[in-house]
Amino acid sequence: MKKFLSILLALVMIISLSAVTVFGEAESKAEDPKEDKEAEETEVEKVPDWDGTKAEYHIGVVTGTVSQSEDDLRGAEELIRRYGNADDGGMIKHLTYPDNFSSEMETTIAQIKGLADDPMMKAIVVNQSVPGTAAAFKDIRAAHPDIILLSGCSQEDPRTISPVADIVVDADNINRGYLIIKCAKELGCETFVHISFPRHMGIELLSLRRAIMKQACEDLGLKFVDETAPDPTSDVGQAGAQMFILEHMDDWVKKYGDKTAFFCTNDAHTEPLLQKVAELGAYFIEADLPSPLMGYPGAFGIDLKDQAGDWPAILKKVEEAVDEAGGSGRMGTWAYSLGFTTTAGLGEYAKQCIEGKMKLGNTEDVLEAYQVYTPGVKWNGSLFVNQVDGKEIPNYLLVYQDTYVFGKGYMHMTDLEVPEKYRHIKNEPVDESTEETKGE
């Protein structure tokens, strides 16, 4: 009996020890961000290419060029892949506006209006909606009231573009103004540097986001700093604007410290900024228009030809390059490109509305169309609040997805409730003489 009880006691102890060990391993795995990151990776089912069936109508899509807004253009290419090029009998008619659209506004207006001359044209999507889009939409609306007009990432005043478009979709720069700072705080940053130039600060949503970022820094205990860089559409061009960032980043990091998160409002500035952030040990939460393709391939020499269209594979390869460059845990993005998804998603939404499967003006349907191109990723959306009267603009939808930090995974920003106060912060002029907010 004693021998039996001794064996029984030993077995109980072994089982108890095993249970503790197994529980400990499970708990450890649950807390490992790498495990959490891998669990959220999603396989994307490849949609077949257009089968050559002649389209019954056309959708016009206008984007920037590869040099100014590559992701927007890639979204148009995805629509063409799925639904065919109108020149070959398919559905999508794609045009690009000039790189120097600020000084060639009449060309932009003429290009957009020219699409409406096609008798088969049923919808026009412009992403990004650069200055001149509202004027073109107004003229099209007067001559062809049946054509659906959709605007993505508008650079025009909300009160100018919303009356002439059926739907306007933009990055949720209200909530992101807070969440980008919140993420920087969670990563241990002490300073936030906002890099822009007067033309962009003349765009209401961009300047409003800056005001929210400044307030969020004050609330969360970070120092907020403004820095100015050349406009790539000015005489210095894209090359000059990028060289400016390369030449100034060493001084900025030396001045503000490596616990600084840098943010720029322009796509062309992003590539050199990423390159120097990785090299100098600073932080980059996400781009103005976030995407794994926004700046990262050029900054780190990443060849993504074999991963084209496969966003999880793109994210993985970019992550490997960021890790190799020493940026792991300090640099982030969205898993799916906003520019790509807005072009493709609005094109999809137009198609579904034309065919009666979605309702024009229904924001829930817009998010569903976005989801077609971003399986496995959650989108949040809210309506823009008019700064003048404090009321929501019913056809102006702001969207965002979770921040993904390379080497850490998703930061669960979409799970947070942004304080209501940030929806009602007012724009303020950038005072370049104020020492606390202006870098030398």
Protein backbone atom coordinates (compact mmCIF):
# COMPACT_ATOMS: atom_id res chain seq x y z
CA MET A 1 0.00 0.00 0.00
CA LYS A 2 2.83 2.45 0.93
CA LYS A 3 4.56 1.64 -2.36
CA PHE A 4 1.30 2.27 -4.26
CA LEU A 5 0.70 5.60 -2.50
CA SER A 6 4.27 6.72 -3.23
CA ILE A 7 3.85 5.96 -6.94
CA LEU A 8 0.46 7.70 -6.99
CA LEU A 9 1.90 10.81 -5.31
CA ALA A 10 4.76 10.91 -7.79
CA LEU A 11 2.34 10.70 -10.72
CA VAL A 12 0.22 13.55 -9.32
CA MET A 13 3.32 15.73 -8.97
CA ILE A 14 4.45 14.96 -12.55
CA ILE A 15 1.00 15.78 -13.94
CA SER A 16 0.83 19.01 -11.92
CA LEU A 17 4.30 20.05 -13.05
CA SER A 18 3.39 19.30 -16.70
CA ALA A 19 0.21 21.33 -16.41
CA VAL A 20 2.13 24.31 -14.99
CA THR A 21 4.71 24.00 -17.77
CA VAL A 22 2.09 23.77 -20.52
CA PHE A 23 0.12 26.73 -19.07
CA GLY A 24 3.33 28.75 -18.81
CA GLU A 25 4.21 28.03 -22.46
CA ALA A 26 0.71 28.98 -23.59
CA GLU A 27 0.81 32.21 -21.60
CA SER A 28 4.25 33.04 -22.96
CA LYS A 29 3.09 32.46 -26.54
CA ALA A 30 0.03 34.66 -26.04
CA GLU A 31 2.24 37.53 -24.89
CA ASP A 32 4.77 37.14 -27.72
CA PRO A 33 4.05 39.89 -30.30
CA LYS A 34 5.66 37.78 -33.03
CA GLU A 35 3.12 35.01 -32.38
CA ASP A 36 0.29 37.58 -32.36
CA LYS A 37 1.59 39.04 -35.62
CA GLU A 38 1.83 35.68 -37.37
CA ALA A 39 -1.66 34.70 -36.23
CA GLU A 40 -3.08 37.73 -38.00
CA GLU A 41 -1.43 37.10 -41.37
CA THR A 42 -3.98 36.46 -44.09
CA GLU A 43 -3.88 34.47 -47.31
CA VAL A 44 -5.23 36.45 -50.25
CA GLU A 45 -7.21 34.56 -52.87
CA LYS A 46 -6.10 35.64 -56.34
CA VAL A 47 -8.96 37.04 -58.41
CA PRO A 48 -8.90 35.88 -62.06
CA ASP A 49 -7.83 38.33 -64.76
CA TRP A 50 -10.44 39.92 -67.03
CA ASP A 51 -11.75 37.24 -69.39
CA GLY A 52 -12.16 39.55 -72.41
CA THR A 53 -15.95 39.94 -72.13
CA LYS A 54 -16.93 43.26 -73.73
CA ALA A 55 -18.01 45.81 -71.12
CA GLU A 56 -21.47 47.37 -71.27
CA TYR A 57 -20.27 50.62 -69.67
CA HIS A 58 -17.07 52.42 -68.67
CA ILE A 59 -15.66 53.70 -65.37
CA GLY A 60 -13.09 56.49 -65.59
CA VAL A 61 -10.22 56.42 -63.09
CA VAL A 62 -7.81 59.35 -62.66
CA THR A 63 -4.67 59.05 -60.51
CA GLY A 64 -1.22 60.55 -60.14
CA THR A 65 1.82 59.05 -61.82
CA VAL A 66 4.24 56.45 -60.43
CA SER A 67 6.64 59.17 -59.28
CA GLN A 68 4.04 61.16 -57.32
CA SER A 69 1.55 58.55 -56.04
CA GLU A 70 2.43 55.02 -57.11
CA ASP A 71 -0.06 53.25 -54.85
CA ASP A 72 -3.00 55.19 -56.29
CA LEU A 73 -1.93 54.16 -59.80
CA ARG A 74 -1.49 50.49 -58.78
CA GLY A 75 -5.11 50.48 -57.61
CA ALA A 76 -6.17 51.52 -61.12
CA GLU A 77 -4.03 48.72 -62.57
CA GLU A 78 -5.78 46.23 -60.27
CA LEU A 79 -9.17 47.39 -61.55
CA ILE A 80 -7.93 46.99 -65.13
CA ARG A 81 -6.64 43.50 -64.33
CA ARG A 82 -10.04 42.48 -62.98
CA TYR A 83 -12.35 44.31 -65.36
CA GLY A 84 -10.29 45.12 -68.44
CA ASN A 85 -8.97 48.25 -70.16
CA ALA A 86 -11.65 50.28 -71.94
CA ASP A 87 -9.30 50.67 -74.91
CA ASP A 88 -9.42 46.89 -75.35
CA GLY A 89 -13.16 46.48 -74.78
CA GLY A 90 -13.00 46.35 -70.99
CA MET A 91 -14.54 48.59 -68.31
CA ILE A 92 -11.77 50.83 -66.92
CA LYS A 93 -10.48 54.00 -68.60
CA HIS A 94 -7.36 55.16 -66.70
CA LEU A 95 -5.67 58.59 -66.97
CA THR A 96 -2.92 60.28 -64.94
CA TYR A 97 -2.81 63.97 -64.12
CA PRO A 98 0.46 65.97 -64.43
CA ASP A 99 3.13 65.69 -61.72
CA ASN A 100 3.13 69.49 -61.43
CA PHE A 101 -0.64 69.56 -61.04
CA SER A 102 -0.53 72.80 -59.00
CA SER A 103 0.77 74.75 -61.98
CA GLU A 104 -1.12 72.69 -64.59
CA MET A 105 -4.59 72.79 -63.10
CA GLU A 106 -6.30 73.50 -66.43
CA THR A 107 -4.78 70.30 -67.85
CA THR A 108 -6.08 68.31 -64.88
CA ILE A 109 -9.58 69.78 -65.26
CA ALA A 110 -9.61 69.07 -69.00
CA GLN A 111 -8.51 65.45 -68.48
CA ILE A 112 -11.23 64.71 -65.94
CA LYS A 113 -13.94 66.46 -67.97
CA GLY A 114 -12.79 64.66 -71.12
CA LEU A 115 -13.79 61.30 -69.64
CA ALA A 116 -17.42 62.44 -69.57
CA ASP A 117 -17.41 62.80 -73.36
CA ASP A 118 -17.41 59.00 -73.62
CA PRO A 119 -21.09 57.98 -74.15
CA MET A 120 -20.43 54.74 -72.25
CA MET A 121 -19.05 56.54 -69.17
CA LYS A 122 -21.13 55.83 -66.06
CA ALA A 123 -18.75 56.82 -63.23
CA ILE A 124 -15.53 58.76 -62.65
CA VAL A 125 -13.13 58.16 -59.75
CA VAL A 126 -10.35 60.64 -58.94
CA ASN A 127 -7.68 59.66 -56.39
CA GLN A 128 -5.99 61.76 -55.14
CA SER A 129 -8.42 64.58 -55.84
CA VAL A 130 -5.91 67.34 -56.53
CA PRO A 131 -6.89 71.00 -57.03
CA GLY A 132 -9.16 71.27 -60.05
CA THR A 133 -11.15 68.11 -59.33
CA ALA A 134 -14.12 70.01 -57.84
CA ALA A 135 -14.25 72.37 -60.83
CA ALA A 136 -14.23 69.42 -63.24
CA PHE A 137 -16.91 67.59 -61.22
CA LYS A 138 -19.10 70.70 -61.18
CA ASP A 139 -18.98 71.00 -64.96
CA ILE A 140 -19.59 67.27 -65.45
CA ARG A 141 -22.52 67.34 -63.03
CA ALA A 142 -24.13 70.17 -65.01
CA ALA A 143 -23.73 68.42 -68.38
CA HIS A 144 -24.05 64.75 -67.34
CA PRO A 145 -26.06 64.46 -64.09
CA ASP A 146 -26.29 60.68 -64.48
CA ILE A 147 -22.50 60.09 -64.14
CA ILE A 148 -21.41 58.98 -60.66
CA LEU A 149 -18.56 61.14 -59.30
CA LEU A 150 -16.32 59.75 -56.56
CA SER A 151 -13.43 61.56 -54.87
CA GLY A 152 -10.55 59.96 -52.96
CA CYS A 153 -8.09 61.72 -50.61
CA SER A 154 -9.15 65.22 -51.64
CA GLN A 155 -6.69 68.10 -51.53
CA GLU A 156 -9.53 70.58 -51.80
CA ASP A 157 -11.66 72.10 -49.06
CA PRO A 158 -14.38 69.65 -47.87
CA ARG A 159 -17.04 72.32 -48.45
CA THR A 160 -15.81 72.67 -52.05
CA ILE A 161 -15.58 69.00 -53.06
CA SER A 162 -18.50 67.46 -51.11
CA PRO A 163 -21.34 69.37 -52.89
CA VAL A 164 -20.17 68.20 -56.34
CA ALA A 165 -19.21 64.57 -55.51
CA ASP A 166 -21.49 61.66 -54.67
CA ILE A 167 -18.98 60.33 -52.13
CA VAL A 168 -15.67 61.68 -50.82
CA VAL A 169 -13.40 59.23 -48.97
CA ASP A 170 -10.25 60.29 -47.18
CA ALA A 171 -7.87 59.08 -44.52
CA ASP A 172 -9.36 59.62 -41.08
CA ASN A 173 -6.95 62.37 -40.18
CA ILE A 174 -9.11 63.27 -37.20
CA ASN A 175 -8.76 59.97 -35.35
CA ARG A 176 -5.28 59.34 -36.81
CA GLY A 177 -4.13 62.70 -35.49
CA TYR A 178 -4.58 61.25 -32.02
CA LEU A 179 -3.76 57.59 -32.72
CA ILE A 180 -0.39 58.24 -34.41
CA ILE A 181 0.72 60.18 -31.32
CA LYS A 182 -0.73 57.48 -29.03
CA CYS A 183 1.25 54.80 -30.90
CA ALA A 184 4.43 56.90 -30.70
CA LYS A 185 3.91 57.22 -26.94
CA GLU A 186 3.47 53.45 -26.58
CA LEU A 187 6.73 52.90 -28.48
CA GLY A 188 8.57 55.17 -26.03
CA CYS A 189 8.91 58.36 -28.12
CA GLU A 190 9.42 61.69 -26.38
CA THR A 191 9.24 64.09 -29.35
CA PHE A 192 7.11 64.24 -32.51
CA VAL A 193 8.36 66.16 -35.58
CA HIS A 194 5.79 67.20 -38.21
CA ILE A 195 7.37 67.97 -41.63
CA SER A 196 5.33 69.86 -44.23
CA PHE A 197 5.13 73.03 -46.38
CA PRO A 198 2.61 75.87 -46.94
CA ARG A 199 0.63 74.27 -49.80
CA HIS A 200 -0.17 71.20 -47.73
CA MET A 201 -0.94 73.25 -44.64
CA GLY A 202 -3.49 75.05 -46.81
CA ILE A 203 -5.42 71.74 -47.13
CA GLU A 204 -8.00 71.72 -44.34
CA LEU A 205 -7.79 68.07 -43.30
CA LEU A 206 -3.98 68.09 -43.25
CA SER A 207 -3.73 71.26 -41.18
CA LEU A 208 -6.52 70.02 -38.89
CA ARG A 209 -4.64 66.76 -38.35
CA ARG A 210 -1.56 68.77 -37.41
CA ALA A 211 -3.59 70.72 -34.82
CA ILE A 212 -4.91 67.44 -33.38
CA MET A 213 -1.40 65.94 -33.29
CA LYS A 214 -0.15 68.99 -31.43
CA GLN A 215 -2.96 68.73 -28.86
CA ALA A 216 -2.44 64.96 -28.50
CA CYS A 217 1.27 65.55 -27.84
CA GLU A 218 0.37 68.01 -25.12
CA ASP A 219 -2.15 65.58 -23.60
CA LEU A 220 0.14 62.52 -23.77
CA GLY A 221 3.38 64.22 -22.73
CA LEU A 222 5.36 64.49 -26.01
CA LYS A 223 7.08 67.58 -27.38
CA PHE A 224 5.60 68.73 -30.71
CA VAL A 225 7.86 70.34 -33.34
CA ASP A 226 7.15 71.80 -36.80
CA GLU A 227 9.78 71.52 -39.53
CA THR A 228 9.42 72.84 -43.10
CA ALA A 229 10.71 71.08 -46.23
CA PRO A 230 10.47 72.13 -49.90
CA ASP A 231 7.33 71.36 -51.88
CA PRO A 232 8.22 68.71 -54.53
CA THR A 233 5.92 70.50 -57.02
CA SER A 234 7.96 73.71 -56.69
CA ASP A 235 11.04 74.70 -58.68
CA VAL A 236 13.34 72.39 -56.66
CA GLY A 237 11.38 69.40 -57.93
CA GLN A 238 11.13 65.97 -56.34
CA ALA A 239 14.91 65.38 -56.34
CA GLY A 240 15.60 68.65 -54.55
CA ALA A 241 12.89 68.01 -51.96
CA GLN A 242 14.26 64.54 -51.22
CA MET A 243 17.84 65.81 -50.98
CA PHE A 244 16.69 68.37 -48.40
CA ILE A 245 15.39 65.57 -46.14
CA LEU A 246 18.61 63.56 -46.52
CA GLU A 247 20.73 66.59 -45.68
CA HIS A 248 18.73 67.67 -42.62
CA MET A 249 17.83 64.41 -40.86
CA ASP A 250 21.21 64.03 -39.13
CA ASP A 251 20.88 67.49 -37.59
CA TRP A 252 17.25 66.92 -36.62
CA VAL A 253 17.96 63.63 -34.84
CA LYS A 254 20.97 65.19 -33.13
CA LYS A 255 18.81 68.12 -32.02
CA TYR A 256 15.68 66.25 -30.91
CA GLY A 257 17.15 62.85 -29.94
CA ASP A 258 16.58 59.33 -31.23
CA LYS A 259 13.37 59.00 -29.18
CA THR A 260 11.76 61.17 -31.86
CA ALA A 261 8.99 60.09 -34.26
CA PHE A 262 9.13 61.81 -37.65
CA PHE A 263 6.09 62.39 -39.87
CA CYS A 264 5.86 64.05 -43.29
CA THR A 265 2.77 65.09 -45.24
CA ASN A 266 4.24 64.40 -48.71
CA ASP A 267 4.82 61.06 -50.46
CA ALA A 268 8.07 62.14 -52.11
CA HIS A 269 9.61 63.06 -48.73
CA THR A 270 8.79 59.64 -47.29
CA GLU A 271 11.52 57.55 -48.96
CA PRO A 272 14.54 59.56 -47.76
CA LEU A 273 12.90 60.01 -44.36
CA LEU A 274 12.56 56.23 -43.91
CA GLN A 275 16.14 55.69 -45.01
CA LYS A 276 17.49 58.11 -42.39
CA VAL A 277 15.12 56.98 -39.61
CA ALA A 278 16.42 53.41 -39.92
CA GLU A 279 20.03 54.58 -40.07
CA LEU A 280 19.83 57.05 -37.16
CA GLY A 281 17.68 55.06 -34.74
CA ALA A 282 14.63 57.33 -34.75
CA TYR A 283 10.94 56.37 -35.20
CA PHE A 284 8.38 56.44 -38.03
CA ILE A 285 4.83 55.43 -37.06
CA GLU A 286 3.12 55.49 -40.46
CA ALA A 287 3.01 57.56 -43.63
CA ASP A 288 0.60 60.32 -44.56
CA LEU A 289 -1.04 57.79 -46.90
CA PRO A 290 0.11 54.55 -45.24
CA SER A 291 1.26 51.54 -47.25
CA PRO A 292 4.09 48.96 -47.25
CA LEU A 293 4.88 50.37 -50.71
CA MET A 294 5.00 53.97 -49.51
CA GLY A 295 8.71 54.75 -49.49
CA TYR A 296 9.93 51.42 -48.16
CA PRO A 297 10.91 49.69 -51.44
CA GLY A 298 12.95 52.67 -52.61
CA ALA A 299 14.47 53.37 -49.21
CA PHE A 300 15.73 49.80 -48.77
CA GLY A 301 16.10 48.55 -52.36
CA ILE A 302 13.30 45.97 -52.15
CA ASP A 303 12.31 44.11 -55.33
CA LEU A 304 8.63 43.20 -55.08
CA LYS A 305 7.94 41.99 -58.63
CA ASP A 306 7.22 38.44 -57.48
CA GLN A 307 4.90 39.68 -54.72
CA ALA A 308 2.88 42.11 -56.88
CA GLY A 309 -0.74 42.22 -55.71
CA ASP A 310 -0.12 39.91 -52.73
CA TRP A 311 -0.22 42.37 -49.83
CA PRO A 312 0.61 39.91 -47.01
CA ALA A 313 3.65 38.75 -49.02
CA ILE A 314 4.63 42.38 -49.66
CA LEU A 315 4.34 43.18 -45.96
CA LYS A 316 6.48 40.19 -45.03
CA LYS A 317 9.25 41.05 -47.50
CA VAL A 318 9.29 44.71 -46.47
CA GLU A 319 9.46 43.63 -42.83
CA GLU A 320 12.53 41.51 -43.56
CA ALA A 321 14.23 44.48 -45.23
CA VAL A 322 13.35 46.85 -42.37
CA ASP A 323 14.72 44.36 -39.86
CA GLU A 324 17.94 44.01 -41.85
CA ALA A 325 18.26 47.82 -41.95
CA GLY A 326 17.93 47.98 -38.16
CA GLY A 327 14.46 49.54 -38.08
CA SER A 328 12.62 46.67 -36.35
CA GLY A 329 10.29 47.90 -33.60
CA ARG A 330 10.64 51.53 -34.72
CA MET A 331 8.94 51.75 -38.13
CA GLY A 332 5.35 51.13 -39.12
CA THR A 333 2.69 51.19 -41.84
CA TRP A 334 -0.75 49.87 -42.68
CA ALA A 335 -0.87 46.28 -43.93
CA TYR A 336 -2.80 47.43 -47.01
CA SER A 337 -2.19 50.66 -48.88
CA LEU A 338 -4.71 53.46 -48.44
CA GLY A 339 -3.92 54.85 -51.90
CA PHE A 340 -4.26 51.47 -53.60
CA THR A 341 -7.42 50.56 -51.71
CA THR A 342 -9.09 53.93 -52.26
CA THR A 343 -8.63 53.76 -56.04
CA ALA A 344 -9.64 50.10 -56.29
CA GLY A 345 -12.34 50.33 -53.60
CA LEU A 346 -14.05 53.37 -55.12
CA GLY A 347 -13.88 51.75 -58.55
CA GLU A 348 -15.51 48.65 -57.09
CA TYR A 349 -18.13 50.75 -55.31
CA ALA A 350 -18.96 52.56 -58.57
CA LYS A 351 -19.35 49.22 -60.38
CA GLN A 352 -21.64 47.80 -57.71
CA CYS A 353 -23.77 50.97 -57.66
CA ILE A 354 -24.11 50.98 -61.45
CA GLU A 355 -25.21 47.35 -61.35
CA GLY A 356 -27.66 47.99 -58.49
CA LYS A 357 -25.86 45.81 -55.93
CA MET A 358 -24.88 48.73 -53.69
CA LYS A 359 -26.58 52.03 -52.90
CA LEU A 360 -25.06 55.35 -53.91
CA GLY A 361 -24.32 57.40 -50.81
CA ASN A 362 -24.33 54.44 -48.41
CA THR A 363 -21.10 54.61 -46.40
CA GLU A 364 -21.48 51.02 -45.18
CA ASP A 365 -21.36 49.89 -48.80
CA VAL A 366 -18.19 51.94 -49.35
CA LEU A 367 -16.44 50.12 -46.50
CA GLU A 368 -17.67 46.80 -47.90
CA ALA A 369 -16.17 47.68 -51.29
CA TYR A 370 -12.87 48.52 -49.57
CA GLN A 371 -12.97 45.15 -47.83
CA VAL A 372 -12.97 43.39 -51.22
CA TYR A 373 -9.33 44.49 -51.65
CA THR A 374 -8.18 44.09 -48.02
CA PRO A 375 -9.24 40.66 -46.69
CA GLY A 376 -8.52 40.12 -43.01
CA VAL A 377 -8.04 43.80 -42.09
CA LYS A 378 -10.52 45.86 -40.11
CA TRP A 379 -11.50 49.35 -41.33
CA ASN A 380 -13.01 52.01 -39.09
CA GLY A 381 -14.92 54.92 -40.54
CA SER A 382 -16.75 58.08 -39.48
CA LEU A 383 -18.22 61.14 -41.14
CA PHE A 384 -16.29 64.40 -41.34
CA VAL A 385 -17.50 67.16 -39.02
CA ASN A 386 -17.84 70.55 -40.72
CA GLN A 387 -15.53 73.01 -38.94
CA VAL A 388 -17.98 75.89 -39.57
CA ASP A 389 -21.25 74.58 -38.15
CA GLY A 390 -20.10 71.46 -36.23
CA LYS A 391 -22.37 69.17 -38.27
CA GLU A 392 -21.39 65.94 -40.06
CA ILE A 393 -21.04 66.06 -43.85
CA PRO A 394 -23.15 63.02 -44.89
CA ASN A 395 -21.15 62.12 -48.02
CA TYR A 396 -17.63 62.75 -46.61
CA LEU A 397 -16.31 59.48 -45.15
CA LEU A 398 -13.06 59.23 -43.19
CA VAL A 399 -11.43 55.78 -42.89
CA TYR A 400 -8.47 54.16 -41.15
CA GLN A 401 -7.02 50.74 -40.35
CA ASP A 402 -4.70 49.42 -37.65
CA THR A 403 -1.02 50.43 -37.41
CA TYR A 404 1.46 47.62 -38.06
CA VAL A 405 4.94 48.11 -36.58
CA PHE A 406 7.59 45.93 -38.20
CA GLY A 407 9.00 43.49 -35.66
CA LYS A 408 6.09 44.01 -33.24
CA GLY A 409 2.95 43.42 -35.27
CA TYR A 410 -0.43 45.17 -35.06
CA MET A 411 -0.68 47.87 -32.38
CA HIS A 412 -4.48 47.46 -31.99
CA MET A 413 -5.14 51.14 -32.59
CA THR A 414 -8.54 50.30 -34.11
CA ASP A 415 -9.58 48.87 -30.72
CA LEU A 416 -9.07 52.22 -28.97
CA GLU A 417 -11.79 54.79 -28.45
CA VAL A 418 -10.50 58.21 -29.45
CA PRO A 419 -11.64 60.91 -26.99
CA GLU A 420 -14.55 62.91 -28.39
CA LYS A 421 -12.73 66.22 -27.83
CA TYR A 422 -10.48 65.55 -30.84
CA ARG A 423 -13.43 65.63 -33.25
CA HIS A 424 -14.07 69.24 -32.28
CA ILE A 425 -10.56 70.71 -32.26
CA LYS A 426 -10.32 73.74 -34.53
CA ASN A 427 -7.66 74.53 -37.09
CA GLU A 428 -4.95 76.96 -36.10
CA PRO A 429 -2.36 78.83 -38.16
CA VAL A 430 1.21 77.53 -37.98
CA ASP A 431 3.17 80.20 -36.11
CA GLU A 432 6.67 79.92 -37.51
CA SER A 433 8.05 82.31 -34.90
CA THR A 434 7.06 80.18 -31.91
CA GLU A 435 10.14 78.49 -30.52
CA GLU A 436 8.28 75.57 -28.95
CA THR A 437 6.74 74.48 -32.23
CA LYS A 438 9.25 75.57 -34.81
CA GLY A 439 12.60 73.91 -35.40
CA GLU A 440 15.57 75.92 -36.53
